[in-house]
Amino acid sequence: MKDGFKIIDAHVHYAGIFLPKNKYKSIVEYMDDNGVDAAIVNTLNLKANLGDILRQDIGKVQAMANAPDFELFKDFRLAGQPDHAPVLDLVKRYPGRVIPFFWYNPNDPSDPGQENGLKQVASFLDHRGFKGVKIQPAMTPCTIEQLFPVAELLVSRGLPIYIHPNAGLFSAKKTEASEIATLAEKFPRLTIILGHAAYNMEFCIEAVIHLSKYPNVIAETSQSIPYGIITFVKVFGASRVVFGTDMPSATPFDIEYRKIALLDVPPKVKAMVLGENVQRLLNL
């Protein structure tokens, strides 16, 4: 609890630069420090480190980046499905506090039909307590059509998909709100959590225009501009907005929390955004 609100963070990673330097402190202990009751916890691409990139010869990096087919996180995509062992360990150590999501790679060249990947997802959903799937198109570029198979799997289990929109990083094309609308229309029973829903003003406007009419699309607030958050609350409605931080890999908790705390909305609305909506969506 924080300020009288139950806090369920819809976007957390098991590690990151903003986790206190005490090596014995887990992400759940950091949640305790900040009054977070529970959180959707994802694995992490430890190779997605700007410092590692900048430590390389900058001339070579710039030359690679100018290539039309340059893919910054190609090694991650080619490695198949990400390692979820750290998340599984947290689930065992902190039952009820950690809500695990499976970070899915729909574009593994060794599994073009997605048969093996989908079997792994199904196993984690059915036998290991995972409550949804995360897609990160900047690191595993894919078409919206490549998400149809995992969408069908999730619909059959009544579980959501979380999509981290890509701004168009090198050869990974920009995630368009209109494409998310295609998914929402084709799978009306699929809950789509639109991550970083207002990561900039332009995407916020696109999302409002293309997605407001789809009740199965939920806006998640991490890394969002405050104007975008209040816009989603007003246009989507408070029941379709969930609080997330992307801590500790992208931000400290308090910055993201204050964006909600400072909104000029009734406490009932803040309570919905900060925890009640995720609790309802995941039947917690």
Protein backbone atom coordinates (compact mmCIF):
# COMPACT_ATOMS: atom_id res chain seq x y z
CA MET A 1 0.00 0.00 0.00
CA LYS A 2 1.06 3.57 -0.67
CA ASP A 3 -0.91 6.65 0.34
CA GLY A 4 -3.84 4.35 1.05
CA PHE A 5 -3.81 2.77 -2.42
CA LYS A 6 -3.17 -0.86 -3.29
CA ILE A 7 -0.34 -0.81 -5.83
CA ILE A 8 -0.08 -3.47 -8.54
CA ASP A 9 2.64 -2.49 -10.99
CA ALA A 10 1.86 -3.72 -14.51
CA HIS A 11 5.43 -3.58 -15.82
CA VAL A 12 8.49 -4.60 -13.82
CA HIS A 13 11.76 -6.39 -14.62
CA TYR A 14 13.68 -8.61 -12.23
CA ALA A 15 16.81 -6.42 -12.43
CA GLY A 16 18.04 -3.10 -13.76
CA ILE A 17 20.22 -0.06 -13.29
CA PHE A 18 17.86 1.57 -10.78
CA LEU A 19 17.80 -1.38 -8.39
CA PRO A 20 19.72 -0.29 -5.27
CA LYS A 21 23.38 -1.27 -5.39
CA ASN A 22 22.99 -3.67 -2.47
CA LYS A 23 23.55 -6.92 -4.35
CA TYR A 24 21.41 -8.83 -1.86
CA LYS A 25 18.31 -6.72 -2.54
CA SER A 26 15.78 -8.39 -4.82
CA ILE A 27 13.22 -6.60 -6.95
CA VAL A 28 10.55 -7.67 -4.44
CA GLU A 29 12.48 -6.01 -1.61
CA TYR A 30 12.60 -2.87 -3.77
CA MET A 31 8.83 -3.22 -4.20
CA ASP A 32 8.55 -3.38 -0.40
CA ASP A 33 10.55 -0.17 -0.10
CA ASN A 34 8.03 1.59 -2.35
CA GLY A 35 4.75 0.14 -1.11
CA VAL A 36 4.13 -2.07 -4.14
CA ASP A 37 1.82 -4.95 -3.22
CA ALA A 38 2.39 -7.04 -6.37
CA ALA A 39 3.80 -6.64 -9.84
CA ILE A 40 3.83 -8.16 -13.29
CA VAL A 41 7.47 -9.20 -13.58
CA ASN A 42 9.28 -9.86 -16.84
CA THR A 43 12.65 -11.26 -17.71
CA LEU A 44 15.32 -8.96 -19.13
CA ASN A 45 17.60 -8.75 -22.15
CA LEU A 46 20.90 -8.15 -20.38
CA LYS A 47 22.58 -7.45 -23.73
CA ALA A 48 20.35 -4.40 -24.31
CA ASN A 49 22.90 -2.20 -22.62
CA LEU A 50 23.82 1.12 -24.19
CA GLY A 51 27.07 1.19 -22.24
CA ASP A 52 28.19 -2.05 -23.85
CA ILE A 53 27.41 -0.59 -27.27
CA LEU A 54 29.28 2.64 -26.61
CA ARG A 55 32.33 0.77 -25.36
CA GLN A 56 32.75 -0.62 -28.86
CA ASP A 57 34.55 1.29 -31.60
CA ILE A 58 32.06 4.10 -32.24
CA GLY A 59 33.05 4.33 -35.91
CA LYS A 60 32.18 0.68 -36.46
CA VAL A 61 28.91 1.08 -34.58
CA GLN A 62 27.94 4.09 -36.71
CA ALA A 63 28.85 2.23 -39.90
CA MET A 64 26.69 -0.74 -38.87
CA ALA A 65 23.82 1.56 -37.94
CA ASN A 66 23.83 3.06 -41.43
CA ALA A 67 23.24 -0.33 -43.04
CA PRO A 68 19.60 -0.66 -44.17
CA ASP A 69 19.22 -4.08 -42.55
CA PHE A 70 20.95 -3.24 -39.25
CA GLU A 71 19.18 -4.88 -36.31
CA LEU A 72 20.51 -3.72 -32.96
CA PHE A 73 19.26 -6.70 -30.95
CA LYS A 74 19.66 -9.38 -33.62
CA ASP A 75 21.59 -11.75 -31.33
CA PHE A 76 18.73 -11.65 -28.83
CA ARG A 77 16.14 -12.52 -31.47
CA LEU A 78 18.26 -15.31 -32.95
CA ALA A 79 18.70 -16.92 -29.52
CA GLY A 80 15.11 -18.22 -29.55
CA GLN A 81 12.94 -17.77 -26.47
CA PRO A 82 14.38 -15.63 -23.65
CA ASP A 83 15.56 -17.15 -20.39
CA HIS A 84 12.84 -16.97 -17.72
CA ALA A 85 14.76 -18.73 -14.94
CA PRO A 86 15.22 -15.56 -12.82
CA VAL A 87 11.48 -14.87 -12.95
CA LEU A 88 10.64 -18.46 -12.03
CA ASP A 89 12.95 -18.19 -9.04
CA LEU A 90 11.15 -15.03 -7.86
CA VAL A 91 7.75 -16.70 -8.26
CA LYS A 92 8.91 -19.52 -5.97
CA ARG A 93 10.42 -17.17 -3.40
CA TYR A 94 7.61 -14.61 -3.37
CA PRO A 95 4.29 -16.31 -4.16
CA GLY A 96 1.49 -13.83 -4.61
CA ARG A 97 3.83 -10.89 -5.04
CA VAL A 98 5.25 -11.75 -8.46
CA ILE A 99 2.88 -12.07 -11.43
CA PRO A 100 4.99 -13.60 -14.21
CA PHE A 101 4.57 -12.82 -17.92
CA PHE A 102 6.31 -14.76 -20.69
CA TRP A 103 8.47 -12.59 -22.96
CA TYR A 104 7.75 -14.22 -26.33
CA ASN A 105 9.87 -14.13 -29.47
CA PRO A 106 7.54 -14.70 -32.46
CA ASN A 107 10.33 -14.29 -35.00
CA ASP A 108 12.80 -17.08 -34.22
CA PRO A 109 14.26 -18.19 -37.58
CA SER A 110 14.82 -21.72 -36.24
CA ASP A 111 11.08 -21.97 -35.51
CA PRO A 112 9.36 -20.30 -38.51
CA GLY A 113 6.01 -21.92 -37.80
CA GLN A 114 6.22 -20.96 -34.10
CA GLU A 115 5.33 -24.52 -33.06
CA ASN A 116 8.13 -24.88 -30.51
CA GLY A 117 7.76 -21.35 -29.19
CA LEU A 118 4.02 -21.69 -28.69
CA LYS A 119 4.47 -25.04 -26.93
CA GLN A 120 6.87 -23.36 -24.53
CA VAL A 121 4.46 -20.48 -23.91
CA ALA A 122 1.59 -22.91 -23.30
CA SER A 123 3.70 -24.87 -20.82
CA PHE A 124 4.55 -21.75 -18.84
CA LEU A 125 0.92 -20.60 -18.84
CA ASP A 126 -0.54 -23.99 -17.94
CA HIS A 127 2.02 -25.37 -15.52
CA ARG A 128 4.18 -22.54 -14.17
CA GLY A 129 1.61 -19.91 -13.29
CA PHE A 130 2.43 -17.34 -15.95
CA LYS A 131 -0.43 -14.88 -16.43
CA GLY A 132 0.22 -13.40 -19.87
CA VAL A 133 2.64 -12.77 -22.71
CA LYS A 134 4.86 -9.79 -23.46
CA ILE A 135 5.95 -8.77 -26.97
CA GLN A 136 8.86 -6.36 -27.53
CA PRO A 137 9.03 -5.54 -31.28
CA ALA A 138 12.24 -3.50 -30.98
CA MET A 139 14.11 -6.60 -29.83
CA THR A 140 12.14 -9.26 -31.67
CA PRO A 141 10.80 -7.47 -34.77
CA CYS A 142 7.65 -9.05 -36.15
CA THR A 143 4.55 -8.36 -38.19
CA ILE A 144 1.16 -8.06 -36.56
CA GLU A 145 0.17 -11.27 -38.38
CA GLN A 146 2.95 -13.13 -36.57
CA LEU A 147 1.12 -12.38 -33.33
CA PHE A 148 -2.09 -14.11 -34.43
CA PRO A 149 -1.03 -17.61 -33.24
CA VAL A 150 -0.08 -16.47 -29.73
CA ALA A 151 -3.21 -14.32 -29.63
CA GLU A 152 -5.32 -17.42 -30.29
CA LEU A 153 -3.47 -19.27 -27.53
CA LEU A 154 -4.11 -16.46 -25.05
CA VAL A 155 -7.78 -16.14 -25.97
CA SER A 156 -8.22 -19.85 -25.26
CA ARG A 157 -6.90 -19.26 -21.74
CA GLY A 158 -8.45 -15.86 -21.10
CA LEU A 159 -5.07 -14.21 -20.60
CA PRO A 160 -3.69 -10.87 -21.89
CA ILE A 161 -0.93 -9.83 -24.25
CA TYR A 162 1.34 -6.91 -23.39
CA ILE A 163 2.80 -5.06 -26.39
CA HIS A 164 5.74 -2.71 -25.99
CA PRO A 165 5.45 -0.38 -29.01
CA ASN A 166 8.60 0.23 -31.02
CA ALA A 167 9.38 3.77 -32.16
CA GLY A 168 11.19 2.47 -35.25
CA LEU A 169 14.65 1.52 -34.04
CA PHE A 170 16.96 1.01 -37.04
CA SER A 171 15.53 -1.77 -39.24
CA ALA A 172 12.74 -2.64 -36.76
CA LYS A 173 9.74 -0.81 -38.11
CA LYS A 174 7.58 1.47 -35.98
CA THR A 175 4.65 -0.13 -34.19
CA GLU A 176 1.54 1.51 -35.57
CA ALA A 177 -1.55 2.01 -33.45
CA SER A 178 -3.58 1.06 -36.53
CA GLU A 179 -1.90 -2.38 -36.49
CA ILE A 180 -2.81 -2.85 -32.85
CA ALA A 181 -6.37 -2.02 -33.92
CA THR A 182 -6.20 -4.85 -36.45
CA LEU A 183 -5.29 -7.26 -33.64
CA ALA A 184 -7.98 -5.85 -31.35
CA GLU A 185 -10.66 -6.25 -34.01
CA LYS A 186 -9.63 -9.75 -35.06
CA PHE A 187 -9.48 -10.94 -31.45
CA PRO A 188 -12.17 -9.04 -29.51
CA ARG A 189 -11.84 -11.43 -26.55
CA LEU A 190 -8.10 -10.77 -26.25
CA THR A 191 -7.09 -8.18 -23.67
CA ILE A 192 -4.31 -6.09 -25.19
CA ILE A 193 -2.20 -4.09 -22.75
CA LEU A 194 -0.62 -1.26 -24.73
CA GLY A 195 2.67 -0.66 -22.97
CA HIS A 196 4.20 2.81 -22.70
CA ALA A 197 0.93 3.99 -24.21
CA ALA A 198 1.92 7.66 -24.24
CA TYR A 199 5.67 7.34 -24.68
CA ASN A 200 5.40 10.46 -26.81
CA MET A 201 2.64 12.88 -27.80
CA GLU A 202 2.33 11.59 -31.35
CA PHE A 203 1.84 7.95 -30.43
CA CYS A 204 -0.66 8.93 -27.75
CA ILE A 205 -2.75 10.77 -30.35
CA GLU A 206 -2.52 7.84 -32.77
CA ALA A 207 -3.56 5.41 -30.03
CA VAL A 208 -6.55 7.54 -29.03
CA ILE A 209 -7.70 7.84 -32.65
CA HIS A 210 -7.26 4.18 -33.59
CA LEU A 211 -7.90 2.32 -30.34
CA SER A 212 -10.43 4.18 -28.21
CA LYS A 213 -13.33 2.22 -29.71
CA TYR A 214 -11.88 -1.17 -28.74
CA PRO A 215 -12.79 -2.03 -25.13
CA ASN A 216 -10.23 -4.85 -25.10
CA VAL A 217 -7.32 -2.38 -25.40
CA ILE A 218 -5.86 -1.18 -22.09
CA ALA A 219 -3.36 1.69 -21.79
CA GLU A 220 -0.34 1.11 -19.53
CA THR A 221 1.37 4.21 -18.13
CA SER A 222 5.09 3.46 -17.80
CA GLN A 223 7.40 5.95 -19.48
CA SER A 224 4.34 7.97 -20.53
CA ILE A 225 3.98 11.73 -20.57
CA PRO A 226 1.47 12.96 -17.94
CA TYR A 227 -0.69 14.65 -20.58
CA GLY A 228 -1.04 11.29 -22.30
CA ILE A 229 -2.00 9.52 -19.08
CA ILE A 230 -4.81 11.95 -18.27
CA THR A 231 -5.94 11.81 -21.91
CA PHE A 232 -6.28 8.02 -21.73
CA VAL A 233 -8.17 8.29 -18.42
CA LYS A 234 -10.62 10.73 -20.02
CA VAL A 235 -10.97 9.11 -23.46
CA PHE A 236 -10.51 5.39 -22.76
CA GLY A 237 -12.04 5.66 -19.31
CA ALA A 238 -10.40 4.96 -15.96
CA SER A 239 -11.20 1.23 -16.16
CA ARG A 240 -8.97 0.93 -19.24
CA VAL A 241 -5.77 2.42 -17.76
CA VAL A 242 -3.23 0.51 -15.66
CA PHE A 243 -0.23 1.79 -13.76
CA GLY A 244 3.21 0.54 -14.73
CA THR A 245 6.76 1.71 -14.11
CA ASP A 246 9.25 -0.39 -16.14
CA MET A 247 11.38 -0.33 -13.01
CA PRO A 248 14.17 -0.90 -12.23
CA SER A 249 15.59 -1.16 -15.74
CA ALA A 250 14.24 2.14 -17.11
CA THR A 251 13.27 4.31 -14.14
CA PRO A 252 13.01 4.57 -10.36
CA PHE A 253 9.55 3.81 -8.96
CA ASP A 254 8.82 7.25 -7.54
CA ILE A 255 8.97 9.13 -10.85
CA GLU A 256 6.30 6.94 -12.41
CA TYR A 257 4.15 6.89 -9.28
CA ARG A 258 4.09 10.67 -8.98
CA LYS A 259 2.66 10.95 -12.50
CA ILE A 260 -0.46 9.24 -11.15
CA ALA A 261 -0.41 10.83 -7.70
CA LEU A 262 -0.40 14.33 -9.22
CA LEU A 263 -3.34 13.75 -11.57
CA ASP A 264 -6.35 15.96 -10.89
CA VAL A 265 -8.78 13.05 -10.62
CA PRO A 266 -10.80 11.59 -7.72
CA PRO A 267 -9.12 9.07 -5.39
CA LYS A 268 -11.46 6.39 -6.75
CA VAL A 269 -9.93 6.83 -10.22
CA LYS A 270 -6.39 6.66 -8.85
CA ALA A 271 -7.27 3.48 -6.99
CA MET A 272 -8.52 1.89 -10.21
CA VAL A 273 -5.42 2.83 -12.17
CA LEU A 274 -2.91 1.98 -9.44
CA GLY A 275 -4.12 -1.53 -8.77
CA GLU A 276 -7.79 -2.39 -9.02
CA ASN A 277 -7.84 -2.66 -12.82
CA VAL A 278 -4.97 -5.16 -13.02
CA GLN A 279 -6.49 -7.12 -10.17
CA ARG A 280 -9.72 -7.39 -12.13
CA LEU A 281 -8.11 -8.09 -15.51
CA LEU A 282 -6.02 -10.96 -14.14
CA ASN A 283 -8.61 -12.28 -11.68
CA LEU A 284 -6.14 -11.92 -8.84
